[in-house]
Amino acid sequence: MHLDSVQASSSDHAPLSSSIRLPTLVLLPGMDGTGNLFEPLIGALGADFKVLVVRYPETQSLGYDELVSYVSGLLPADEPFVLLGESFSGPIAIKLATASRPGLCGVILCCTFARNPRPALTWLRHLLPWVPFNWIPTTLLNWALLGSFATGTLRGLLKEAVGRVSPSVMRTRVRAVSEVDVTVELSQMRVPCLYLQASADRVVPARAATLIRRVLVSVQLVRLDAPHCLLQGVPEKSADALASFVRRLGLTVS
């Protein structure tokens, strides 16, 4: 199964009337692609939210265009939904948002980019065949992705998620990031968009959000005190921001 349906639950959010339903949240994962790192966020979301977690193939080396086609076939066909593109998946969410998908009523971009966020490092892509992705120290990953927000549980989740993906797949995804540019598609986006920015992001610099705001002036930006793994580091605050955005899109009477 590459698409999981989850009914989130939390005592922190009061349920709505049973005659009301919110758009489904479709979660597109970060570089690991497993979707397992969404567990803290799902646990923090209210019981009203139906969540679909997309999981990318762990052994198939698919670039952005191929992943857009892959995800397109998994999206809800007969209900309203909101796309969330985390980090690596931001360009996928942007491209899907310009494809006139029936039911799509909003996009959430989290710690992500429309263009290579580290252009100064583009030359390093020639060294990718020799990068030992399966031997990258976990301490380095924790520092870059979690920072001071790391806990034993989060470190374990991150290690397990990254360890599931083959090195060749990771190389393909890193190369895709180094070559991506979806600013044209971004300028054509017509659905409401929220950008979640982490104040302590050591992976995606603030200028990535600046570019998105310049191209899509209607985007709403929410900045949280968080690491690159924002949804994992501050799941409750993330859930509050997502819920506020989704509710403003308008409730649907079932």
Protein backbone atom coordinates (compact mmCIF):
# COMPACT_ATOMS: atom_id res chain seq x y z
CA MET A 1 0.00 0.00 0.00
CA HIS A 2 1.37 3.39 -0.97
CA LEU A 3 -1.62 5.45 0.15
CA ASP A 4 -2.81 5.19 3.73
CA SER A 5 -6.12 6.56 5.01
CA VAL A 6 -5.92 7.71 8.60
CA GLN A 7 -8.55 9.28 10.82
CA ALA A 8 -6.58 11.59 13.08
CA SER A 9 -7.56 11.93 16.70
CA SER A 10 -6.72 14.40 19.45
CA SER A 11 -8.49 15.60 22.56
CA ASP A 12 -7.11 19.11 21.98
CA HIS A 13 -9.55 19.92 19.16
CA ALA A 14 -13.30 19.99 19.66
CA PRO A 15 -15.16 17.97 16.99
CA LEU A 16 -17.47 19.68 14.54
CA SER A 17 -21.07 18.75 13.87
CA SER A 18 -21.49 15.34 12.28
CA SER A 19 -23.14 17.06 9.30
CA ILE A 20 -19.88 18.85 8.45
CA ARG A 21 -16.78 17.40 6.88
CA LEU A 22 -13.47 19.03 6.07
CA PRO A 23 -11.35 18.46 2.97
CA THR A 24 -9.08 15.42 3.16
CA LEU A 25 -5.44 16.23 3.90
CA VAL A 26 -3.16 14.47 1.40
CA LEU A 27 0.38 14.36 2.81
CA LEU A 28 3.32 14.16 0.39
CA PRO A 29 6.52 13.20 2.27
CA GLY A 30 10.00 14.63 2.40
CA MET A 31 13.19 13.18 0.91
CA ASP A 32 12.80 9.77 2.56
CA GLY A 33 9.42 9.30 0.86
CA THR A 34 8.20 6.73 3.39
CA GLY A 35 5.50 8.87 4.98
CA ASN A 36 6.39 7.42 8.39
CA LEU A 37 7.61 10.78 9.66
CA PHE A 38 4.06 12.15 9.54
CA GLU A 39 3.14 10.15 12.68
CA PRO A 40 3.63 13.08 15.13
CA LEU A 41 1.49 15.40 12.98
CA ILE A 42 -1.31 12.88 12.55
CA GLY A 43 -1.35 12.35 16.28
CA ALA A 44 -1.74 16.09 16.84
CA LEU A 45 -4.53 16.67 14.32
CA GLY A 46 -8.15 16.76 15.41
CA ALA A 47 -10.64 13.94 14.99
CA ASP A 48 -12.39 15.84 12.19
CA PHE A 49 -9.49 15.41 9.80
CA LYS A 50 -9.20 12.51 7.40
CA VAL A 51 -5.58 12.12 6.32
CA LEU A 52 -4.18 10.30 3.30
CA VAL A 53 -0.44 9.58 3.47
CA VAL A 54 1.27 9.03 0.13
CA ARG A 55 4.32 6.77 0.24
CA TYR A 56 6.85 6.79 -2.61
CA PRO A 57 8.49 3.59 -3.91
CA GLU A 58 11.57 2.81 -1.83
CA THR A 59 13.51 1.01 -4.58
CA GLN A 60 12.41 2.82 -7.77
CA SER A 61 14.50 5.81 -8.82
CA LEU A 62 11.79 8.25 -9.88
CA GLY A 63 12.36 11.91 -10.72
CA TYR A 64 9.90 14.72 -10.20
CA ASP A 65 7.89 14.22 -13.40
CA GLU A 66 7.52 10.51 -12.71
CA LEU A 67 6.48 11.14 -9.10
CA VAL A 68 3.90 13.71 -10.23
CA SER A 69 2.32 11.02 -12.43
CA TYR A 70 2.56 8.49 -9.60
CA VAL A 71 0.87 10.76 -7.05
CA SER A 72 -1.76 11.93 -9.55
CA GLY A 73 -3.14 8.41 -9.75
CA LEU A 74 -3.53 8.22 -5.95
CA LEU A 75 -5.39 11.47 -5.29
CA PRO A 76 -9.03 11.44 -4.16
CA ALA A 77 -11.36 11.33 -7.15
CA ASP A 78 -14.70 12.22 -5.62
CA GLU A 79 -14.07 14.44 -2.59
CA PRO A 80 -12.46 17.80 -1.74
CA PHE A 81 -8.86 17.62 -0.62
CA VAL A 82 -5.85 19.73 0.34
CA LEU A 83 -2.33 18.84 -0.77
CA LEU A 84 0.59 19.20 1.64
CA GLY A 85 4.05 19.03 0.09
CA GLU A 86 6.80 18.64 2.68
CA SER A 87 10.37 19.64 1.75
CA PHE A 88 11.30 17.46 -1.27
CA SER A 89 7.64 17.16 -2.27
CA GLY A 90 6.94 20.87 -2.59
CA PRO A 91 7.56 20.91 -6.35
CA ILE A 92 5.25 17.90 -6.74
CA ALA A 93 2.43 19.68 -4.92
CA ILE A 94 2.99 22.81 -7.03
CA LYS A 95 2.89 20.90 -10.32
CA LEU A 96 -0.24 19.00 -9.31
CA ALA A 97 -1.93 22.24 -8.27
CA THR A 98 -1.69 23.60 -11.81
CA ALA A 99 -3.14 20.46 -13.40
CA SER A 100 -6.79 21.40 -12.71
CA ARG A 101 -7.34 18.47 -10.36
CA PRO A 102 -11.05 18.07 -9.49
CA GLY A 103 -11.58 18.49 -5.76
CA LEU A 104 -8.30 20.27 -5.03
CA CYS A 105 -9.15 23.27 -2.86
CA GLY A 106 -5.81 24.26 -1.32
CA VAL A 107 -2.05 23.64 -1.12
CA ILE A 108 0.25 23.68 1.91
CA LEU A 109 3.99 24.00 1.31
CA CYS A 110 6.20 23.08 4.26
CA CYS A 111 9.91 23.97 4.45
CA THR A 112 10.18 23.59 0.72
CA PHE A 113 11.13 25.32 -2.52
CA ALA A 114 10.16 26.02 -6.11
CA ARG A 115 13.76 26.07 -7.32
CA ASN A 116 17.00 24.46 -6.15
CA PRO A 117 17.33 25.94 -2.63
CA ARG A 118 21.12 25.59 -2.60
CA PRO A 119 22.32 26.62 -6.10
CA ALA A 120 25.87 27.19 -4.88
CA LEU A 121 26.11 23.44 -4.28
CA THR A 122 24.84 22.41 -7.73
CA TRP A 123 28.33 21.39 -8.82
CA LEU A 124 28.30 18.66 -6.18
CA ARG A 125 25.72 16.65 -8.14
CA HIS A 126 28.61 15.26 -10.21
CA LEU A 127 29.86 13.60 -7.03
CA LEU A 128 26.52 11.92 -6.24
CA PRO A 129 27.56 8.49 -7.56
CA TRP A 130 30.19 8.35 -4.81
CA VAL A 131 28.13 9.68 -1.91
CA PRO A 132 27.61 6.84 0.61
CA PHE A 133 23.98 7.63 1.48
CA ASN A 134 23.70 4.46 3.53
CA TRP A 135 26.66 5.55 5.67
CA ILE A 136 25.77 9.17 6.43
CA PRO A 137 26.20 9.61 10.21
CA THR A 138 22.90 9.82 12.06
CA THR A 139 24.37 12.60 14.19
CA LEU A 140 24.73 14.72 11.04
CA LEU A 141 21.16 13.98 9.95
CA ASN A 142 19.83 14.83 13.40
CA TRP A 143 21.77 18.11 13.45
CA ALA A 144 20.57 19.15 9.98
CA LEU A 145 16.95 18.02 10.20
CA LEU A 146 16.03 18.16 13.90
CA GLY A 147 18.56 20.39 15.62
CA SER A 148 17.73 21.25 19.21
CA PHE A 149 14.22 19.79 18.76
CA ALA A 150 15.57 16.24 18.56
CA THR A 151 14.14 13.67 20.96
CA GLY A 152 14.83 9.99 21.27
CA THR A 153 11.55 9.21 19.52
CA LEU A 154 12.21 11.60 16.63
CA ARG A 155 15.77 10.38 16.19
CA GLY A 156 14.47 6.83 15.98
CA LEU A 157 11.75 7.73 13.47
CA LEU A 158 14.24 9.57 11.27
CA LYS A 159 16.83 6.79 11.35
CA GLU A 160 14.23 4.15 10.49
CA ALA A 161 12.71 6.20 7.66
CA VAL A 162 16.00 7.07 5.98
CA GLY A 163 17.28 3.51 6.40
CA ARG A 164 14.37 2.10 4.39
CA VAL A 165 15.30 3.91 1.17
CA SER A 166 17.95 2.59 -1.21
CA PRO A 167 21.00 4.81 -1.88
CA SER A 168 20.23 4.91 -5.61
CA VAL A 169 16.78 6.34 -4.89
CA MET A 170 18.28 8.99 -2.61
CA ARG A 171 20.76 9.96 -5.33
CA THR A 172 17.96 10.36 -7.84
CA ARG A 173 15.97 12.57 -5.47
CA VAL A 174 18.95 14.77 -4.58
CA ARG A 175 19.72 15.20 -8.28
CA ALA A 176 16.08 16.09 -8.95
CA VAL A 177 16.24 18.83 -6.31
CA SER A 178 19.41 20.25 -7.87
CA GLU A 179 17.69 20.57 -11.26
CA VAL A 180 14.14 21.54 -10.31
CA ASP A 181 12.45 24.82 -11.25
CA VAL A 182 8.67 25.03 -10.99
CA THR A 183 8.38 28.80 -10.70
CA VAL A 184 6.32 28.96 -13.89
CA GLU A 185 3.85 26.44 -12.50
CA LEU A 186 3.82 28.30 -9.19
CA SER A 187 2.83 31.52 -10.94
CA GLN A 188 -0.16 29.69 -12.44
CA MET A 189 -1.48 28.36 -9.13
CA ARG A 190 -5.07 29.48 -8.54
CA VAL A 191 -5.97 27.68 -5.30
CA PRO A 192 -5.25 29.13 -1.82
CA CYS A 193 -1.74 28.37 -0.60
CA LEU A 194 -0.11 28.31 2.84
CA TYR A 195 3.66 28.22 3.37
CA LEU A 196 5.00 26.90 6.68
CA GLN A 197 8.52 28.19 7.37
CA ALA A 198 10.87 26.98 10.10
CA SER A 199 12.95 29.60 11.89
CA ALA A 200 15.78 27.09 12.54
CA ASP A 201 15.82 25.39 9.13
CA ARG A 202 19.37 24.23 8.34
CA VAL A 203 18.43 22.67 5.00
CA VAL A 204 16.13 25.06 3.12
CA PRO A 205 17.17 28.72 3.51
CA ALA A 206 14.69 31.56 4.04
CA ARG A 207 15.25 32.81 0.49
CA ALA A 208 13.31 29.79 -0.80
CA ALA A 209 10.17 31.16 0.86
CA THR A 210 11.03 34.68 -0.34
CA LEU A 211 11.07 33.44 -3.94
CA ILE A 212 7.74 31.67 -3.51
CA ARG A 213 6.17 34.82 -2.05
CA ARG A 214 7.55 36.89 -4.94
CA VAL A 215 6.12 34.54 -7.56
CA LEU A 216 2.84 33.79 -5.75
CA VAL A 217 1.91 36.99 -3.95
CA SER A 218 -1.30 35.50 -2.56
CA VAL A 219 0.53 32.86 -0.50
CA GLN A 220 0.02 33.02 3.26
CA LEU A 221 3.22 32.52 5.26
CA VAL A 222 3.33 31.19 8.82
CA ARG A 223 6.72 31.09 10.52
CA LEU A 224 7.23 28.74 13.44
CA ASP A 225 10.11 28.21 15.84
CA ALA A 226 11.09 24.82 14.47
CA PRO A 227 13.78 22.79 12.65
CA HIS A 228 13.63 21.66 9.02
CA CYS A 229 11.47 18.74 10.17
CA LEU A 230 8.86 21.25 11.26
CA LEU A 231 5.87 18.92 11.28
CA GLN A 232 7.81 16.54 13.52
CA GLY A 233 9.54 19.06 15.77
CA VAL A 234 6.40 21.09 16.63
CA PRO A 235 3.46 18.86 15.65
CA GLU A 236 0.86 20.62 17.81
CA LYS A 237 1.68 24.08 16.46
CA SER A 238 1.80 22.64 12.94
CA ALA A 239 -1.61 21.03 13.39
CA ASP A 240 -3.07 24.33 14.62
CA ALA A 241 -1.72 26.19 11.57
CA LEU A 242 -2.98 23.53 9.16
CA ALA A 243 -6.40 23.36 10.79
CA SER A 244 -6.79 27.14 10.68
CA PHE A 245 -5.93 27.23 6.97
CA VAL A 246 -8.14 24.28 6.02
CA ARG A 247 -11.13 25.58 7.95
CA ARG A 248 -10.87 28.93 6.17
CA LEU A 249 -11.24 27.14 2.85
CA GLY A 250 -14.87 26.54 3.67
CA LEU A 251 -16.71 23.61 5.20
CA THR A 252 -18.54 21.10 3.09
CA VAL A 253 -21.91 19.77 4.22
CA SER A 254 -21.95 16.02 3.68
